[in-house]
Protein backbone atom coordinates (compact mmCIF):
# COMPACT_ATOMS: atom_id res chain seq x y z
CA ILE A 1 -25.03 -1.80 8.75
CA GLY A 2 -23.06 -2.96 5.75
CA MET A 3 -20.41 -0.37 5.09
CA LYS A 4 -18.59 -0.75 1.80
CA ILE A 5 -14.99 -1.87 2.27
CA ILE A 6 -12.21 -1.84 -0.29
CA ASP A 7 -8.95 -3.39 0.89
CA THR A 8 -6.27 -1.29 -0.80
CA HIS A 9 -3.34 -3.59 -0.12
CA GLN A 10 -3.07 -7.30 -0.85
CA HIS A 11 -0.43 -9.51 -2.40
CA PHE A 12 -0.60 -12.76 -4.32
CA TRP A 13 2.20 -15.13 -5.16
CA ASN A 14 3.16 -18.61 -6.18
CA TYR A 15 5.75 -19.18 -3.53
CA ASN A 16 9.29 -19.45 -4.80
CA PRO A 17 12.23 -19.27 -2.34
CA LYS A 18 14.22 -17.16 -4.79
CA THR A 19 11.54 -14.64 -5.74
CA GLN A 20 10.29 -14.38 -2.16
CA GLU A 21 13.68 -14.53 -0.48
CA TRP A 22 12.57 -11.74 1.87
CA ILE A 23 10.30 -14.25 3.63
CA ASN A 24 12.72 -15.36 6.31
CA GLU A 25 12.60 -18.25 8.79
CA ASN A 26 10.53 -16.26 11.33
CA MET A 27 7.89 -15.66 8.69
CA LYS A 28 7.52 -19.24 7.58
CA VAL A 29 3.73 -19.19 7.98
CA ILE A 30 3.67 -17.29 4.68
CA ARG A 31 6.14 -19.54 2.86
CA LYS A 32 3.49 -20.94 0.56
CA ASN A 33 1.21 -19.92 -2.28
CA PHE A 34 -1.29 -17.14 -1.68
CA LEU A 35 -3.72 -16.79 -4.52
CA PRO A 36 -7.06 -15.09 -5.13
CA GLU A 37 -8.94 -18.27 -4.22
CA ASP A 38 -7.29 -18.16 -0.78
CA ILE A 39 -8.49 -14.66 0.03
CA ALA A 40 -11.95 -14.89 -1.58
CA PRO A 41 -13.64 -16.64 1.39
CA LEU A 42 -11.97 -14.23 3.85
CA LEU A 43 -13.24 -11.20 1.96
CA LYS A 44 -16.71 -12.67 1.91
CA GLU A 45 -16.68 -13.49 5.63
CA ASN A 46 -15.49 -10.00 6.48
CA LYS A 47 -17.86 -8.29 4.03
CA VAL A 48 -15.04 -6.76 2.01
CA GLU A 49 -16.25 -5.91 -1.47
CA GLY A 50 -12.97 -5.82 -3.31
CA CYS A 51 -9.26 -5.26 -3.17
CA ILE A 52 -6.25 -3.72 -4.86
CA ALA A 53 -3.56 -6.26 -5.75
CA VAL A 54 -0.11 -4.77 -5.21
CA GLN A 55 3.17 -6.04 -6.65
CA ALA A 56 5.53 -7.96 -4.38
CA ASP A 57 8.13 -8.87 -6.99
CA GLN A 58 10.05 -6.41 -9.16
CA SER A 59 9.26 -7.82 -12.58
CA ILE A 60 7.02 -7.34 -15.58
CA ALA A 61 6.00 -10.99 -15.11
CA GLU A 62 4.55 -9.95 -11.74
CA THR A 63 2.49 -7.18 -13.32
CA ASN A 64 1.13 -9.59 -15.92
CA PHE A 65 0.41 -12.22 -13.24
CA LEU A 66 -1.69 -9.68 -11.31
CA ILE A 67 -3.54 -8.55 -14.47
CA GLN A 68 -4.40 -12.19 -15.18
CA ALA A 69 -5.55 -12.71 -11.56
CA ALA A 70 -7.82 -9.67 -11.88
CA LYS A 71 -9.31 -10.99 -15.13
CA ASN A 72 -10.25 -14.21 -13.35
CA ASN A 73 -11.53 -12.60 -10.13
CA THR A 74 -13.92 -9.67 -10.21
CA PHE A 75 -13.21 -8.77 -6.57
CA ILE A 76 -9.76 -7.51 -7.66
CA LYS A 77 -10.71 -3.93 -8.46
CA GLY A 78 -7.28 -2.67 -9.41
CA VAL A 79 -3.66 -3.67 -9.91
CA VAL A 80 -0.59 -1.76 -8.72
CA GLY A 81 2.10 -3.34 -10.86
CA TRP A 82 5.81 -3.00 -11.30
CA ILE A 83 7.51 -1.32 -14.24
CA ASP A 84 11.10 -0.26 -14.76
CA LEU A 85 10.75 3.43 -13.99
CA LYS A 86 14.33 4.10 -15.12
CA ASP A 87 13.79 2.60 -18.57
CA LYS A 88 14.33 5.10 -21.39
CA GLU A 89 11.30 3.56 -23.10
CA ILE A 90 9.06 4.18 -20.07
CA GLU A 91 6.43 6.06 -22.07
CA GLN A 92 6.05 3.30 -24.67
CA ASN A 93 5.85 0.77 -21.85
CA LEU A 94 3.11 2.73 -20.09
CA GLU A 95 1.31 3.11 -23.40
CA PHE A 96 1.23 -0.69 -23.59
CA TYR A 97 -0.59 -0.92 -20.22
CA LYS A 98 -3.16 1.69 -21.19
CA LYS A 99 -5.25 -1.06 -22.79
CA GLU A 100 -5.39 -2.87 -19.43
CA ASN A 101 -7.87 -0.74 -17.50
CA ILE A 102 -7.34 -2.79 -14.38
CA VAL A 103 -3.80 -1.37 -14.00
CA LYS A 104 -4.23 1.70 -11.80
CA GLY A 105 -0.66 2.44 -10.81
CA PHE A 106 2.82 1.16 -10.10
CA ARG A 107 5.19 0.59 -7.22
CA HIS A 108 8.91 0.17 -6.75
CA ILE A 109 10.28 -1.27 -3.50
CA ILE A 110 12.25 1.81 -2.43
CA GLN A 111 12.63 0.49 1.12
CA ALA A 112 15.35 -1.82 -0.23
CA GLU A 113 17.19 0.95 -2.11
CA PRO A 114 20.20 2.94 -0.91
CA THR A 115 20.10 6.56 0.24
CA GLY A 116 19.94 8.90 -2.75
CA PHE A 117 17.89 6.53 -4.92
CA MET A 118 14.95 8.93 -4.99
CA GLN A 119 17.21 11.72 -6.26
CA ASP A 120 18.08 9.68 -9.35
CA LEU A 121 16.94 11.73 -12.36
CA SER A 122 15.95 8.75 -14.48
CA PHE A 123 13.76 7.50 -11.62
CA GLN A 124 12.15 10.93 -11.30
CA LYS A 125 11.57 10.98 -15.04
CA GLY A 126 9.77 7.67 -14.76
CA LEU A 127 7.49 9.08 -12.06
CA THR A 128 6.77 12.14 -14.21
CA ALA A 129 5.70 9.75 -16.98
CA LEU A 130 3.31 8.02 -14.54
CA ALA A 131 1.62 11.36 -13.89
CA LYS A 132 1.40 12.07 -17.62
CA TYR A 133 -0.33 8.73 -18.23
CA ASN A 134 -2.71 9.20 -15.27
CA TYR A 135 -1.27 6.45 -13.12
CA THR A 136 -0.82 6.45 -9.35
CA TYR A 137 2.32 5.64 -7.42
CA ASP A 138 2.60 3.54 -4.24
CA LEU A 139 5.49 4.79 -2.11
CA LEU A 140 7.03 1.98 -0.07
CA ILE A 141 9.65 3.38 2.28
CA TYR A 142 10.95 3.10 5.81
CA GLU A 143 10.65 5.94 8.26
CA HIS A 144 14.30 7.02 7.75
CA GLN A 145 13.54 7.60 4.05
CA LEU A 146 10.67 10.03 4.67
CA LYS A 147 12.84 13.14 4.47
CA GLU A 148 14.22 12.14 1.07
CA ALA A 149 10.72 11.14 -0.08
CA ASN A 150 9.38 14.55 0.88
CA ILE A 151 11.94 16.24 -1.38
CA LEU A 152 10.89 13.87 -4.17
CA VAL A 153 7.13 14.35 -3.89
CA LYS A 154 7.46 18.13 -3.88
CA GLN A 155 8.74 17.78 -7.46
CA LEU A 156 5.70 15.71 -8.52
CA PRO A 157 2.63 17.76 -7.56
CA SER A 158 0.41 16.18 -10.22
CA LEU A 159 1.21 12.53 -9.41
CA PRO A 160 -1.24 10.86 -6.99
CA ILE A 161 1.03 9.19 -4.43
CA VAL A 162 0.10 6.93 -1.54
CA ILE A 163 2.46 6.02 1.29
CA ASP A 164 2.24 2.31 2.08
CA HIS A 165 2.14 1.07 5.68
CA ILE A 166 2.40 4.57 7.20
CA ALA A 167 6.12 4.53 6.17
CA LYS A 168 6.95 1.69 8.57
CA PRO A 169 7.83 3.38 11.86
CA ASN A 170 9.57 1.22 14.45
CA ILE A 171 6.50 0.42 16.52
CA LYS A 172 8.33 -2.44 18.22
CA LYS A 173 10.70 0.03 19.87
CA GLY A 174 7.97 2.62 20.33
CA GLU A 175 9.92 5.14 18.28
CA ARG A 176 7.68 7.95 17.21
CA GLU A 177 9.24 11.38 17.39
CA ASN A 178 11.19 11.55 14.13
CA TRP A 179 8.59 9.58 12.18
CA GLU A 180 5.85 11.90 13.45
CA LYS A 181 7.73 15.02 12.41
CA GLU A 182 8.43 13.66 8.91
CA ILE A 183 4.95 12.21 8.31
CA ILE A 184 3.37 15.56 9.25
CA ALA A 185 5.76 17.29 6.82
CA ILE A 186 5.06 14.99 3.87
CA ALA A 187 1.31 15.19 4.49
CA GLN A 188 1.49 18.90 3.57
CA ASN A 189 1.64 17.76 -0.06
CA THR A 190 -2.02 17.50 -1.00
CA ASN A 191 -1.39 14.83 -3.67
CA VAL A 192 -0.02 12.44 -1.03
CA TYR A 193 -2.29 9.88 0.65
CA CYS A 194 -1.53 7.26 3.28
CA LYS A 195 -2.55 3.62 3.74
CA ILE A 196 -3.24 2.53 7.29
CA SER A 197 -1.81 -0.91 6.75
CA GLY A 198 1.22 -3.07 7.53
CA MET A 199 1.42 -1.84 11.11
CA VAL A 200 1.15 -5.13 12.97
CA THR A 201 4.31 -6.43 11.31
CA GLU A 202 6.25 -3.38 12.54
CA ALA A 203 5.04 -4.06 16.10
CA HIS A 204 5.73 -7.10 18.30
CA TRP A 205 4.04 -9.87 16.33
CA GLU A 206 2.87 -11.82 19.37
CA SER A 207 2.05 -9.03 21.78
CA TRP A 208 0.82 -5.98 19.85
CA THR A 209 -2.44 -4.39 20.99
CA PRO A 210 -4.72 -1.72 19.48
CA GLU A 211 -3.52 0.63 22.27
CA ILE A 212 0.08 0.34 21.04
CA LEU A 213 -0.95 1.24 17.49
CA LYS A 214 -3.34 4.04 18.41
CA PRO A 215 -0.86 6.96 18.72
CA TYR A 216 0.52 6.17 15.26
CA ILE A 217 -2.95 6.05 13.71
CA ASP A 218 -3.87 9.28 15.54
CA THR A 219 -0.90 11.03 13.93
CA VAL A 220 -1.75 9.80 10.43
CA VAL A 221 -5.42 10.75 10.72
CA GLU A 222 -4.52 14.18 12.03
CA ALA A 223 -1.83 14.78 9.40
CA PHE A 224 -3.73 13.59 6.33
CA GLY A 225 -7.34 14.16 7.43
CA THR A 226 -10.06 11.62 6.67
CA GLU A 227 -10.01 12.44 2.93
CA ARG A 228 -6.51 11.10 2.24
CA ILE A 229 -6.28 7.87 4.22
CA MET A 230 -7.27 4.33 3.19
CA PHE A 231 -7.69 0.90 4.70
CA GLY A 232 -5.28 -1.87 3.74
CA SER A 233 -4.73 -5.34 5.19
CA ASP A 234 -1.31 -6.18 3.75
CA TRP A 235 -2.57 -9.77 3.48
CA PRO A 236 -0.92 -12.29 3.52
CA VAL A 237 2.10 -10.55 5.12
CA CYS A 238 -0.13 -9.54 8.07
CA LEU A 239 -0.60 -13.22 8.91
CA VAL A 240 2.75 -13.35 10.68
CA ALA A 241 1.21 -11.10 13.34
CA CYS A 242 -2.56 -11.54 13.13
CA SER A 243 -5.54 -12.82 11.20
CA TYR A 244 -7.31 -10.79 8.53
CA ALA A 245 -10.40 -10.47 10.75
CA ARG A 246 -8.44 -9.27 13.76
CA TRP A 247 -6.73 -6.47 11.83
CA LEU A 248 -9.97 -5.33 10.22
CA GLU A 249 -11.73 -5.37 13.58
CA CYS A 250 -8.92 -3.37 15.21
CA ILE A 251 -9.27 -0.66 12.54
CA GLN A 252 -13.08 -0.69 12.55
CA ASN A 253 -13.02 -0.19 16.31
CA TYR A 254 -10.65 2.74 15.93
CA PHE A 255 -12.92 4.47 13.43
CA ASN A 256 -16.29 3.60 14.94
CA THR A 257 -16.64 6.99 16.64
CA PHE A 258 -16.06 8.83 13.33
CA SER A 259 -19.00 10.04 11.27
CA THR A 260 -20.51 7.66 8.71
CA TYR A 261 -19.24 9.95 5.98
CA GLU A 262 -15.67 9.76 7.31
CA GLN A 263 -15.83 5.99 7.75
CA GLU A 264 -17.12 5.53 4.21
CA ALA A 265 -14.31 7.75 2.93
CA PHE A 266 -11.65 5.77 4.78
CA PHE A 267 -12.96 2.28 4.06
CA ALA A 268 -13.91 2.77 0.40
CA ASN A 269 -14.49 6.17 -1.17
CA ASN A 270 -10.95 7.54 -0.91
CA ALA A 271 -9.65 4.35 -2.56
CA ILE A 272 -12.30 4.56 -5.28
CA ASN A 273 -11.27 8.15 -6.06
CA PHE A 274 -7.53 7.58 -5.76
CA TYR A 275 -7.33 4.42 -7.84
CA LYS A 276 -10.24 5.39 -10.12
CA ILE A 277 -12.04 2.13 -9.47
């Protein structure tokens, strides 16, 4: 059966050592360009209908680059761009993007920010503006930032928020206890969703197995329910640990005992509702 699949997390870039300085020596397989034409055949092979292109660089140029990519490739169903959320002119800036229907939301790379960043009032004001303009917010954090994130999201009940990469627990070390406690707590906020993505890169790249990932996925599914979780590949970053097909297959196998309704929700419908595709 052909089940509809929307991949909610992909990146594109023209490789530049300065812009992509986070791609270190160990990750050199992704030290090159990754553009829509590179993913198109993979999506076709894996019967993935479309994707959400998510920012990887913190610049307006990045947002415009993704909008352009979407205009040239119909399989890009939405763009999660970057915008300066602390800018005093945030509302005018969001107004500008309103004419670009493909822009569904925004993301800031909080994982790189110091403790206390999420308590910054100008940042919170920016997020409030996102809600006002009907945008979504992708929350990219590490596990140790979950507690602070939970305080933040409680103040933004009308902003649709999705946690990227299950908040990056340390799968490599098998650490679960604190992450589990905090993910269950943040899931109590009904406007918060979670992407099951980016897990293989938090595990041992060469030796991860579906069994190692399973307890983490179990926790997320239980905490958020099947209505607030989505599939994401994190391509091309996932390539340091596995192929696109292997990750998709791992996740399809996990969900194959779920009802058709639940699988359709996870692989496409939740994303369609969340990002208003």
